[in-house]
Amino acid sequence: MRAVVQRVTSASVTVEGEVVSAIGPGLLCLIGLRETDTQKDLDFICKKILTLRAWPHPDNGKPWDLSVTAAGYEVLMVSQFTLYARFKKPKPDFSKAMGPQTAKDMYGQLVEAVRQQYEADRVKDGVFGAKMDVQLVNDGPVTYILDSTDPDG
């Protein structure tokens, strides 16, 4: 499982002209599922999203001190199968990506795990399988790439 995690001051997802999710300060998490992902991969990515330190401490200014949960910020999760694209030719090959129905189920489990381990009302998501317009204001910019096959990333 892969996640591109961006620290944002705001982010939103629009589907067919309607904003379906929006957050203020927090993390925008683009999630890609690999055909061989298991519960172990899901648990790894969930834990990393909720514990990675991305913000300075407001009292002492110590950089990289607070996680999204410690800061009380929000999380916006967006499914993105293209994170497993390969380019043998100019046309992308998505054969390493998990199939749509299995991916929908596992992505839903990941969103639910993040909600259960944080605060459900602070975790939003897009619409699985929809064409989404994602808008964000990257704060920093700060962007992390997480991969459950490379835990030390």
C-alpha atoms as a PDB file:
ATOM      1  CA  MET A   1       0.000   0.000   0.000  1.00  0.00           C
ATOM      2  CA  ARG A   2       1.225   3.456  -0.842  1.00  0.00           C
ATOM      3  CA  ALA A   3       0.231   6.812   0.503  1.00  0.00           C
ATOM      4  CA  VAL A   4       1.293  10.233  -0.669  1.00  0.00           C
ATOM      5  CA  VAL A   5       0.669  12.380   2.393  1.00  0.00           C
ATOM      6  CA  GLN A   6       0.669  16.154   2.136  1.00  0.00           C
ATOM      7  CA  ARG A   7       0.493  18.639   4.985  1.00  0.00           C
ATOM      8  CA  VAL A   8      -2.171  21.132   3.952  1.00  0.00           C
ATOM      9  CA  THR A   9      -3.773  24.301   5.195  1.00  0.00           C
ATOM     10  CA  SER A  10      -6.903  23.201   3.312  1.00  0.00           C
ATOM     11  CA  ALA A  11      -8.027  20.550   0.837  1.00  0.00           C
ATOM     12  CA  SER A  12     -11.246  19.483  -0.850  1.00  0.00           C
ATOM     13  CA  VAL A  13     -12.705  16.911  -3.215  1.00  0.00           C
ATOM     14  CA  THR A  14     -15.286  17.829  -5.835  1.00  0.00           C
ATOM     15  CA  VAL A  15     -17.297  15.272  -7.842  1.00  0.00           C
ATOM     16  CA  GLU A  16     -19.495  16.399 -10.730  1.00  0.00           C
ATOM     17  CA  GLY A  17     -19.323  20.018  -9.580  1.00  0.00           C
ATOM     18  CA  GLU A  18     -20.259  19.283  -5.951  1.00  0.00           C
ATOM     19  CA  VAL A  19     -17.824  19.493  -3.039  1.00  0.00           C
ATOM     20  CA  VAL A  20     -18.129  16.118  -1.306  1.00  0.00           C
ATOM     21  CA  SER A  21     -15.410  16.595   1.330  1.00  0.00           C
ATOM     22  CA  ALA A  22     -13.299  19.450   2.642  1.00  0.00           C
ATOM     23  CA  ILE A  23     -10.840  19.968   5.465  1.00  0.00           C
ATOM     24  CA  GLY A  24      -8.922  22.815   7.024  1.00  0.00           C
ATOM     25  CA  PRO A  25      -5.415  22.245   8.355  1.00  0.00           C
ATOM     26  CA  GLY A  26      -4.341  18.607   8.290  1.00  0.00           C
ATOM     27  CA  LEU A  27      -3.242  15.838   5.979  1.00  0.00           C
ATOM     28  CA  LEU A  28      -4.355  15.011   2.459  1.00  0.00           C
ATOM     29  CA  CYS A  29      -3.656  11.301   1.920  1.00  0.00           C
ATOM     30  CA  LEU A  30      -3.681   9.839  -1.601  1.00  0.00           C
ATOM     31  CA  ILE A  31      -4.008   6.059  -1.169  1.00  0.00           C
ATOM     32  CA  GLY A  32      -2.926   3.408  -3.676  1.00  0.00           C
ATOM     33  CA  LEU A  33      -3.603  -0.279  -3.124  1.00  0.00           C
ATOM     34  CA  ARG A  34      -1.386  -3.052  -4.509  1.00  0.00           C
ATOM     35  CA  GLU A  35      -2.835  -6.371  -5.607  1.00  0.00           C
ATOM     36  CA  THR A  36      -1.017  -8.206  -2.778  1.00  0.00           C
ATOM     37  CA  ASP A  37      -1.897  -5.843   0.090  1.00  0.00           C
ATOM     38  CA  THR A  38      -3.122  -7.399   3.326  1.00  0.00           C
ATOM     39  CA  GLN A  39      -4.377  -6.270   6.725  1.00  0.00           C
ATOM     40  CA  LYS A  40      -0.736  -5.819   7.751  1.00  0.00           C
ATOM     41  CA  ASP A  41      -0.253  -3.202   5.015  1.00  0.00           C
ATOM     42  CA  LEU A  42      -3.469  -1.451   6.019  1.00  0.00           C
ATOM     43  CA  ASP A  43      -2.423  -1.346   9.689  1.00  0.00           C
ATOM     44  CA  PHE A  44       1.003   0.051   8.761  1.00  0.00           C
ATOM     45  CA  ILE A  45      -0.363   2.894   6.634  1.00  0.00           C
ATOM     46  CA  CYS A  46      -3.075   3.738   9.168  1.00  0.00           C
ATOM     47  CA  LYS A  47      -0.542   3.992  11.991  1.00  0.00           C
ATOM     48  CA  LYS A  48       1.877   6.069   9.909  1.00  0.00           C
ATOM     49  CA  ILE A  49      -0.795   8.564   8.832  1.00  0.00           C
ATOM     50  CA  LEU A  50      -1.885   9.126  12.415  1.00  0.00           C
ATOM     51  CA  THR A  51       1.568   9.254  14.017  1.00  0.00           C
ATOM     52  CA  LEU A  52       3.942  10.904  11.543  1.00  0.00           C
ATOM     53  CA  ARG A  53       5.142  14.233  12.830  1.00  0.00           C
ATOM     54  CA  ALA A  54       4.559  17.071  10.439  1.00  0.00           C
ATOM     55  CA  TRP A  55       4.012  20.230  12.513  1.00  0.00           C
ATOM     56  CA  PRO A  56       6.123  22.348  14.842  1.00  0.00           C
ATOM     57  CA  HIS A  57       5.136  22.584  18.486  1.00  0.00           C
ATOM     58  CA  PRO A  58       3.262  25.879  19.020  1.00  0.00           C
ATOM     59  CA  ASP A  59       4.745  26.513  22.470  1.00  0.00           C
ATOM     60  CA  ASN A  60       8.424  25.740  22.003  1.00  0.00           C
ATOM     61  CA  GLY A  61       8.737  25.944  18.202  1.00  0.00           C
ATOM     62  CA  LYS A  62      10.351  22.509  18.069  1.00  0.00           C
ATOM     63  CA  PRO A  63      10.050  21.426  14.402  1.00  0.00           C
ATOM     64  CA  TRP A  64       8.495  18.142  13.346  1.00  0.00           C
ATOM     65  CA  ASP A  65       7.008  17.643  16.793  1.00  0.00           C
ATOM     66  CA  LEU A  66       3.250  17.146  16.355  1.00  0.00           C
ATOM     67  CA  SER A  67       1.236  14.517  14.515  1.00  0.00           C
ATOM     68  CA  VAL A  68      -2.165  15.260  12.989  1.00  0.00           C
ATOM     69  CA  THR A  69      -3.790  13.737  16.085  1.00  0.00           C
ATOM     70  CA  ALA A  70      -1.655  15.707  18.551  1.00  0.00           C
ATOM     71  CA  ALA A  71      -2.401  18.931  16.655  1.00  0.00           C
ATOM     72  CA  GLY A  72      -6.125  18.093  16.465  1.00  0.00           C
ATOM     73  CA  TYR A  73      -6.191  18.592  12.696  1.00  0.00           C
ATOM     74  CA  GLU A  74      -8.176  16.792   9.997  1.00  0.00           C
ATOM     75  CA  VAL A  75      -7.447  14.010   7.503  1.00  0.00           C
ATOM     76  CA  LEU A  76      -8.779  13.822   3.939  1.00  0.00           C
ATOM     77  CA  MET A  77      -8.298  10.437   2.267  1.00  0.00           C
ATOM     78  CA  VAL A  78      -8.571   9.942  -1.492  1.00  0.00           C
ATOM     79  CA  SER A  79      -8.262   6.619  -3.330  1.00  0.00           C
ATOM     80  CA  GLN A  80      -5.754   6.769  -6.189  1.00  0.00           C
ATOM     81  CA  PHE A  81      -4.988   3.541  -8.059  1.00  0.00           C
ATOM     82  CA  THR A  82      -2.529   5.391 -10.298  1.00  0.00           C
ATOM     83  CA  LEU A  83       0.044   5.267  -7.480  1.00  0.00           C
ATOM     84  CA  TYR A  84       0.792   1.747  -8.763  1.00  0.00           C
ATOM     85  CA  ALA A  85       1.276   2.720 -12.401  1.00  0.00           C
ATOM     86  CA  ARG A  86       4.325   1.303 -14.174  1.00  0.00           C
ATOM     87  CA  PHE A  87       5.723   2.606 -17.430  1.00  0.00           C
ATOM     88  CA  LYS A  88       7.149  -0.138 -19.642  1.00  0.00           C
ATOM     89  CA  LYS A  89       5.815   1.899 -22.554  1.00  0.00           C
ATOM     90  CA  PRO A  90       4.514   5.455 -22.642  1.00  0.00           C
ATOM     91  CA  LYS A  91       1.067   4.125 -21.719  1.00  0.00           C
ATOM     92  CA  PRO A  92       0.720   3.378 -17.972  1.00  0.00           C
ATOM     93  CA  ASP A  93       0.316  -0.225 -16.827  1.00  0.00           C
ATOM     94  CA  PHE A  94      -1.855  -0.667 -13.737  1.00  0.00           C
ATOM     95  CA  SER A  95      -1.465  -4.447 -13.404  1.00  0.00           C
ATOM     96  CA  LYS A  96       0.112  -4.110  -9.930  1.00  0.00           C
ATOM     97  CA  ALA A  97      -2.895  -2.161  -8.626  1.00  0.00           C
ATOM     98  CA  MET A  98      -5.583  -4.026  -6.707  1.00  0.00           C
ATOM     99  CA  GLY A  99      -8.760  -4.817  -8.646  1.00  0.00           C
ATOM    100  CA  PRO A 100     -11.610  -2.329  -8.225  1.00  0.00           C
ATOM    101  CA  GLN A 101     -14.009  -4.266  -5.981  1.00  0.00           C
ATOM    102  CA  THR A 102     -11.330  -5.624  -3.651  1.00  0.00           C
ATOM    103  CA  ALA A 103      -9.671  -2.191  -3.557  1.00  0.00           C
ATOM    104  CA  LYS A 104     -12.977  -0.502  -2.726  1.00  0.00           C
ATOM    105  CA  ASP A 105     -13.451  -2.845   0.225  1.00  0.00           C
ATOM    106  CA  MET A 106      -9.885  -2.453   1.528  1.00  0.00           C
ATOM    107  CA  TYR A 107      -9.885   1.313   1.025  1.00  0.00           C
ATOM    108  CA  GLY A 108     -13.147   1.483   2.997  1.00  0.00           C
ATOM    109  CA  GLN A 109     -11.530  -0.561   5.762  1.00  0.00           C
ATOM    110  CA  LEU A 110      -8.567   1.824   5.838  1.00  0.00           C
ATOM    111  CA  VAL A 111     -10.804   4.900   6.101  1.00  0.00           C
ATOM    112  CA  GLU A 112     -12.780   3.222   8.872  1.00  0.00           C
ATOM    113  CA  ALA A 113      -9.589   2.230  10.741  1.00  0.00           C
ATOM    114  CA  VAL A 114      -8.315   5.820  10.624  1.00  0.00           C
ATOM    115  CA  ARG A 115     -11.705   7.043  11.877  1.00  0.00           C
ATOM    116  CA  GLN A 116     -11.767   4.514  14.712  1.00  0.00           C
ATOM    117  CA  GLN A 117      -8.210   5.270  15.801  1.00  0.00           C
ATOM    118  CA  TYR A 118      -8.660   9.040  15.676  1.00  0.00           C
ATOM    119  CA  GLU A 119     -11.923  11.008  15.709  1.00  0.00           C
ATOM    120  CA  ALA A 120     -14.451   9.953  13.090  1.00  0.00           C
ATOM    121  CA  ASP A 121     -15.674  13.490  12.381  1.00  0.00           C
ATOM    122  CA  ARG A 122     -12.108  14.661  11.630  1.00  0.00           C
ATOM    123  CA  VAL A 123     -11.585  12.051   8.879  1.00  0.00           C
ATOM    124  CA  LYS A 124     -13.122  12.698   5.460  1.00  0.00           C
ATOM    125  CA  ASP A 125     -12.801  10.911   2.146  1.00  0.00           C
ATOM    126  CA  GLY A 126     -13.538  11.229  -1.526  1.00  0.00           C
ATOM    127  CA  VAL A 127     -15.767   8.986  -3.646  1.00  0.00           C
ATOM    128  CA  PHE A 128     -14.098   5.706  -4.551  1.00  0.00           C
ATOM    129  CA  GLY A 129     -13.889   5.173  -8.308  1.00  0.00           C
ATOM    130  CA  ALA A 130     -15.260   8.608  -9.193  1.00  0.00           C
ATOM    131  CA  LYS A 131     -13.500  11.216 -11.263  1.00  0.00           C
ATOM    132  CA  MET A 132     -12.529  13.643  -8.536  1.00  0.00           C
ATOM    133  CA  ASP A 133     -11.139  17.134  -8.622  1.00  0.00           C
ATOM    134  CA  VAL A 134      -8.787  17.472  -5.657  1.00  0.00           C
ATOM    135  CA  GLN A 135      -7.777  20.936  -4.550  1.00  0.00           C
ATOM    136  CA  LEU A 136      -5.195  21.639  -1.887  1.00  0.00           C
ATOM    137  CA  VAL A 137      -2.977  24.255  -0.411  1.00  0.00           C
ATOM    138  CA  ASN A 138       0.224  22.413   0.493  1.00  0.00           C
ATOM    139  CA  ASP A 139       1.637  23.782   3.728  1.00  0.00           C
ATOM    140  CA  GLY A 140       5.393  24.041   3.546  1.00  0.00           C
ATOM    141  CA  PRO A 141       5.384  22.330   1.127  1.00  0.00           C
ATOM    142  CA  VAL A 142       5.546  19.129   3.125  1.00  0.00           C
ATOM    143  CA  THR A 143       4.940  15.832   1.307  1.00  0.00           C
ATOM    144  CA  TYR A 144       5.714  12.303   2.499  1.00  0.00           C
ATOM    145  CA  ILE A 145       5.634   9.085   0.499  1.00  0.00           C
ATOM    146  CA  LEU A 146       4.744   6.025   2.577  1.00  0.00           C
ATOM    147  CA  ASP A 147       5.024   2.465   1.276  1.00  0.00           C
ATOM    148  CA  SER A 148       4.140  -0.563   3.366  1.00  0.00           C
ATOM    149  CA  THR A 149       6.790  -2.618   1.511  1.00  0.00           C
ATOM    150  CA  ASP A 150       9.461  -0.153   2.647  1.00  0.00           C
ATOM    151  CA  PRO A 151       8.670   0.500   6.316  1.00  0.00           C
ATOM    152  CA  ASP A 152      11.791   2.593   6.876  1.00  0.00           C
ATOM    153  CA  GLY A 153      10.992   4.596   3.717  1.00  0.00           C
END
